[in-house]
N, C-alpha and C. Protein backbone atom coordinates (compact mmCIF):
# COMPACT_ATOMS: atom_id res chain seq x y z
N MET A 1 0.84 -1.18 0.00
CA MET A 1 0.00 0.00 0.00
C MET A 1 0.88 1.24 0.00
N ASP A 2 0.53 2.23 -0.81
CA ASP A 2 1.31 3.46 -0.89
C ASP A 2 1.11 4.31 0.36
N GLU A 3 2.20 4.97 0.76
CA GLU A 3 2.11 5.88 1.89
C GLU A 3 1.41 7.15 1.44
N PRO A 4 0.66 7.79 2.35
CA PRO A 4 0.01 9.04 1.98
C PRO A 4 1.06 10.13 1.73
N GLU A 5 0.73 11.04 0.85
CA GLU A 5 1.63 12.14 0.53
C GLU A 5 1.75 13.07 1.73
N SER A 6 2.96 13.55 1.99
CA SER A 6 3.16 14.46 3.12
C SER A 6 2.46 15.79 2.83
N PRO A 7 2.08 16.52 3.90
CA PRO A 7 1.43 17.82 3.69
C PRO A 7 2.29 18.78 2.87
N ASP A 8 3.61 18.75 3.09
CA ASP A 8 4.51 19.62 2.33
C ASP A 8 4.48 19.28 0.84
N ARG A 9 4.49 18.00 0.55
CA ARG A 9 4.49 17.56 -0.85
C ARG A 9 3.14 17.86 -1.50
N THR A 10 2.06 17.73 -0.74
CA THR A 10 0.72 18.07 -1.26
C THR A 10 0.66 19.55 -1.61
N ALA A 11 1.19 20.39 -0.72
CA ALA A 11 1.21 21.84 -0.97
C ALA A 11 2.07 22.17 -2.19
N MET A 12 3.19 21.46 -2.31
CA MET A 12 4.08 21.67 -3.46
C MET A 12 3.37 21.31 -4.75
N ARG A 13 2.65 20.18 -4.74
CA ARG A 13 1.90 19.75 -5.93
C ARG A 13 0.87 20.81 -6.32
N ARG A 14 0.16 21.35 -5.35
CA ARG A 14 -0.86 22.37 -5.64
C ARG A 14 -0.24 23.62 -6.25
N LYS A 15 0.89 24.07 -5.70
CA LYS A 15 1.57 25.25 -6.24
C LYS A 15 2.03 25.01 -7.67
N ILE A 16 2.57 23.83 -7.91
CA ILE A 16 3.05 23.51 -9.26
C ILE A 16 1.87 23.45 -10.22
N MET A 17 0.77 22.84 -9.81
CA MET A 17 -0.40 22.76 -10.69
C MET A 17 -0.89 24.17 -11.06
N TRP A 18 -0.88 25.07 -10.10
CA TRP A 18 -1.30 26.45 -10.36
C TRP A 18 -0.37 27.09 -11.38
N LYS A 19 0.94 26.87 -11.24
CA LYS A 19 1.92 27.46 -12.14
C LYS A 19 1.88 26.82 -13.53
N CYS A 20 1.29 25.64 -13.65
CA CYS A 20 1.17 24.97 -14.95
C CYS A 20 0.14 25.64 -15.84
N ARG A 21 -0.71 26.45 -15.28
CA ARG A 21 -1.73 27.16 -16.07
C ARG A 21 -1.06 28.32 -16.79
N ARG A 22 -0.77 28.12 -18.06
CA ARG A 22 0.05 29.05 -18.80
C ARG A 22 -0.74 30.01 -19.68
N GLY A 23 -1.93 29.65 -20.07
CA GLY A 23 -2.70 30.51 -20.95
C GLY A 23 -2.78 30.00 -22.38
N THR A 24 -2.00 28.98 -22.69
CA THR A 24 -2.15 28.33 -23.99
C THR A 24 -2.56 26.88 -23.73
N LYS A 25 -3.55 26.45 -24.44
CA LYS A 25 -4.10 25.12 -24.18
C LYS A 25 -3.04 24.02 -24.30
N GLU A 26 -2.17 24.13 -25.30
CA GLU A 26 -1.16 23.10 -25.52
C GLU A 26 -0.26 22.93 -24.30
N LEU A 27 0.27 24.05 -23.80
CA LEU A 27 1.15 23.98 -22.64
C LEU A 27 0.39 23.54 -21.41
N ASP A 28 -0.81 24.07 -21.21
CA ASP A 28 -1.61 23.67 -20.06
C ASP A 28 -1.81 22.15 -20.03
N VAL A 29 -2.18 21.58 -21.15
CA VAL A 29 -2.46 20.14 -21.22
C VAL A 29 -1.19 19.34 -20.94
N ILE A 30 -0.12 19.67 -21.60
CA ILE A 30 1.13 18.91 -21.42
C ILE A 30 1.61 18.99 -19.98
N LEU A 31 1.72 20.18 -19.45
CA LEU A 31 2.30 20.36 -18.11
C LEU A 31 1.38 19.80 -17.02
N GLU A 32 0.10 20.12 -17.08
CA GLU A 32 -0.82 19.64 -16.05
C GLU A 32 -0.95 18.12 -16.06
N ARG A 33 -1.07 17.53 -17.22
CA ARG A 33 -1.21 16.07 -17.28
C ARG A 33 0.06 15.38 -16.79
N PHE A 34 1.22 15.96 -17.12
CA PHE A 34 2.46 15.37 -16.64
C PHE A 34 2.47 15.35 -15.11
N ILE A 35 2.13 16.46 -14.49
CA ILE A 35 2.13 16.52 -13.02
C ILE A 35 1.05 15.60 -12.44
N LEU A 36 -0.13 15.60 -13.01
CA LEU A 36 -1.20 14.74 -12.50
C LEU A 36 -0.81 13.27 -12.53
N LYS A 37 -0.14 12.84 -13.59
CA LYS A 37 0.17 11.42 -13.74
C LYS A 37 1.52 11.01 -13.16
N HIS A 38 2.46 11.95 -13.03
CA HIS A 38 3.82 11.54 -12.72
C HIS A 38 4.44 12.22 -11.50
N PHE A 39 3.74 13.14 -10.86
CA PHE A 39 4.32 13.85 -9.72
C PHE A 39 4.80 12.89 -8.63
N ASP A 40 4.03 11.87 -8.35
CA ASP A 40 4.38 10.93 -7.29
C ASP A 40 5.69 10.19 -7.55
N LYS A 41 6.08 10.10 -8.82
CA LYS A 41 7.31 9.38 -9.17
C LYS A 41 8.53 10.28 -9.27
N LEU A 42 8.33 11.59 -9.18
CA LEU A 42 9.44 12.53 -9.33
C LEU A 42 10.26 12.62 -8.05
N GLU A 43 11.56 12.66 -8.21
CA GLU A 43 12.45 12.93 -7.08
C GLU A 43 12.50 14.44 -6.87
N GLN A 44 12.97 14.86 -5.72
CA GLN A 44 13.00 16.29 -5.41
C GLN A 44 13.80 17.08 -6.44
N LYS A 45 14.91 16.53 -6.92
CA LYS A 45 15.72 17.22 -7.92
C LYS A 45 14.91 17.46 -9.20
N GLU A 46 14.09 16.49 -9.59
CA GLU A 46 13.26 16.64 -10.78
C GLU A 46 12.15 17.67 -10.55
N ILE A 47 11.62 17.70 -9.35
CA ILE A 47 10.61 18.71 -9.02
C ILE A 47 11.23 20.10 -9.10
N ASP A 48 12.45 20.23 -8.60
CA ASP A 48 13.15 21.51 -8.67
C ASP A 48 13.38 21.93 -10.13
N LEU A 49 13.76 20.98 -10.97
CA LEU A 49 13.95 21.27 -12.39
C LEU A 49 12.63 21.65 -13.05
N PHE A 50 11.56 20.97 -12.69
CA PHE A 50 10.25 21.29 -13.25
C PHE A 50 9.85 22.71 -12.86
N ASN A 51 10.08 23.07 -11.60
CA ASN A 51 9.80 24.44 -11.16
C ASN A 51 10.63 25.45 -11.93
N GLN A 52 11.88 25.12 -12.18
CA GLN A 52 12.75 25.98 -12.97
C GLN A 52 12.19 26.13 -14.39
N LEU A 53 11.72 25.03 -14.94
CA LEU A 53 11.12 25.04 -16.27
C LEU A 53 9.91 25.98 -16.32
N LEU A 54 9.13 26.00 -15.26
CA LEU A 54 7.93 26.84 -15.22
C LEU A 54 8.25 28.33 -15.19
N ASN A 55 9.50 28.67 -14.94
CA ASN A 55 9.92 30.08 -14.96
C ASN A 55 10.34 30.54 -16.35
N VAL A 56 10.36 29.63 -17.30
CA VAL A 56 10.74 29.96 -18.68
C VAL A 56 9.54 30.60 -19.39
N GLU A 57 9.82 31.54 -20.27
CA GLU A 57 8.76 32.22 -21.04
C GLU A 57 8.03 31.22 -21.94
N ASP A 58 6.74 31.47 -22.14
CA ASP A 58 5.90 30.57 -22.94
C ASP A 58 6.41 30.28 -24.35
N PRO A 59 6.92 31.27 -25.09
CA PRO A 59 7.39 30.94 -26.44
C PRO A 59 8.50 29.88 -26.45
N LEU A 60 9.42 29.96 -25.49
CA LEU A 60 10.48 28.96 -25.40
C LEU A 60 9.93 27.61 -24.98
N LEU A 61 9.03 27.62 -23.99
CA LEU A 61 8.40 26.37 -23.55
C LEU A 61 7.67 25.69 -24.71
N THR A 62 6.96 26.47 -25.48
CA THR A 62 6.24 25.93 -26.63
C THR A 62 7.20 25.31 -27.63
N GLU A 63 8.31 26.01 -27.89
CA GLU A 63 9.32 25.47 -28.82
C GLU A 63 9.86 24.14 -28.31
N TRP A 64 10.16 24.06 -27.03
CA TRP A 64 10.75 22.85 -26.46
C TRP A 64 9.76 21.69 -26.38
N LEU A 65 8.52 21.99 -25.99
CA LEU A 65 7.55 20.93 -25.73
C LEU A 65 6.68 20.56 -26.94
N CYS A 66 6.61 21.46 -27.92
CA CYS A 66 5.73 21.20 -29.07
C CYS A 66 6.46 21.09 -30.40
N PHE A 67 7.66 21.67 -30.49
CA PHE A 67 8.34 21.73 -31.78
C PHE A 67 9.77 21.18 -31.75
N ASN A 68 10.05 20.30 -30.81
CA ASN A 68 11.33 19.60 -30.74
C ASN A 68 12.55 20.49 -30.53
N GLY A 69 12.35 21.69 -29.99
CA GLY A 69 13.49 22.51 -29.62
C GLY A 69 14.17 21.91 -28.39
N LYS A 70 15.41 22.29 -28.15
CA LYS A 70 16.14 21.75 -27.01
C LYS A 70 16.70 22.89 -26.18
N PRO A 71 16.49 22.84 -24.87
CA PRO A 71 17.09 23.84 -24.00
C PRO A 71 18.62 23.69 -23.98
N GLU A 72 19.32 24.79 -23.81
CA GLU A 72 20.77 24.73 -23.69
C GLU A 72 21.18 24.19 -22.32
N ASN A 73 20.40 24.49 -21.31
CA ASN A 73 20.67 24.03 -19.95
C ASN A 73 20.41 22.53 -19.86
N GLN A 74 21.42 21.77 -19.39
CA GLN A 74 21.30 20.30 -19.34
C GLN A 74 20.18 19.84 -18.41
N GLY A 75 20.02 20.51 -17.28
CA GLY A 75 18.95 20.13 -16.36
C GLY A 75 17.58 20.30 -16.98
N LEU A 76 17.38 21.44 -17.64
CA LEU A 76 16.10 21.68 -18.31
C LEU A 76 15.90 20.69 -19.45
N GLU A 77 16.98 20.35 -20.14
CA GLU A 77 16.86 19.36 -21.22
C GLU A 77 16.41 18.01 -20.66
N LYS A 78 16.92 17.65 -19.49
CA LYS A 78 16.52 16.37 -18.88
C LYS A 78 15.04 16.35 -18.53
N ILE A 79 14.55 17.43 -17.93
CA ILE A 79 13.13 17.42 -17.54
C ILE A 79 12.24 17.53 -18.78
N VAL A 80 12.65 18.27 -19.80
CA VAL A 80 11.87 18.34 -21.04
C VAL A 80 11.80 16.95 -21.68
N THR A 81 12.93 16.25 -21.72
CA THR A 81 12.96 14.89 -22.27
C THR A 81 12.04 13.96 -21.47
N ARG A 82 12.07 14.12 -20.16
CA ARG A 82 11.20 13.29 -19.31
C ARG A 82 9.73 13.56 -19.58
N ILE A 83 9.38 14.82 -19.72
CA ILE A 83 7.98 15.18 -20.01
C ILE A 83 7.56 14.61 -21.36
N LEU A 84 8.41 14.80 -22.38
CA LEU A 84 8.05 14.36 -23.73
C LEU A 84 7.97 12.85 -23.86
N SER A 85 8.72 12.13 -23.02
CA SER A 85 8.69 10.67 -23.10
C SER A 85 7.63 10.05 -22.18
N ALA A 86 7.00 10.86 -21.36
CA ALA A 86 6.00 10.36 -20.41
C ALA A 86 4.67 10.09 -21.10
N ASP A 87 3.95 9.14 -20.56
CA ASP A 87 2.59 8.86 -21.02
C ASP A 87 1.66 9.86 -20.33
N ILE A 88 1.22 10.86 -21.07
CA ILE A 88 0.33 11.86 -20.47
C ILE A 88 -1.10 11.74 -20.97
N TYR A 89 -1.37 10.75 -21.81
CA TYR A 89 -2.73 10.58 -22.34
C TYR A 89 -3.26 9.30 -21.89
């Protein structure tokens, strides 16, 4: 049986979900579904990278997540690769 999520982690998930609302349907769907389906499997380092990703401007995020662009930052490239390879549907 899975352990219940800690209150801190629950609060972190809620904050991240709020930040996933970007204003473009494509980004909203990709980011929100990734967190809904995969947050429980993320290590803290990956959560930190995801939060860093959420600070990137929408045009760059769209390029990386929808048009096969690649971030120059290796950490961001890792989390983008993880998102794109995840089953979000």
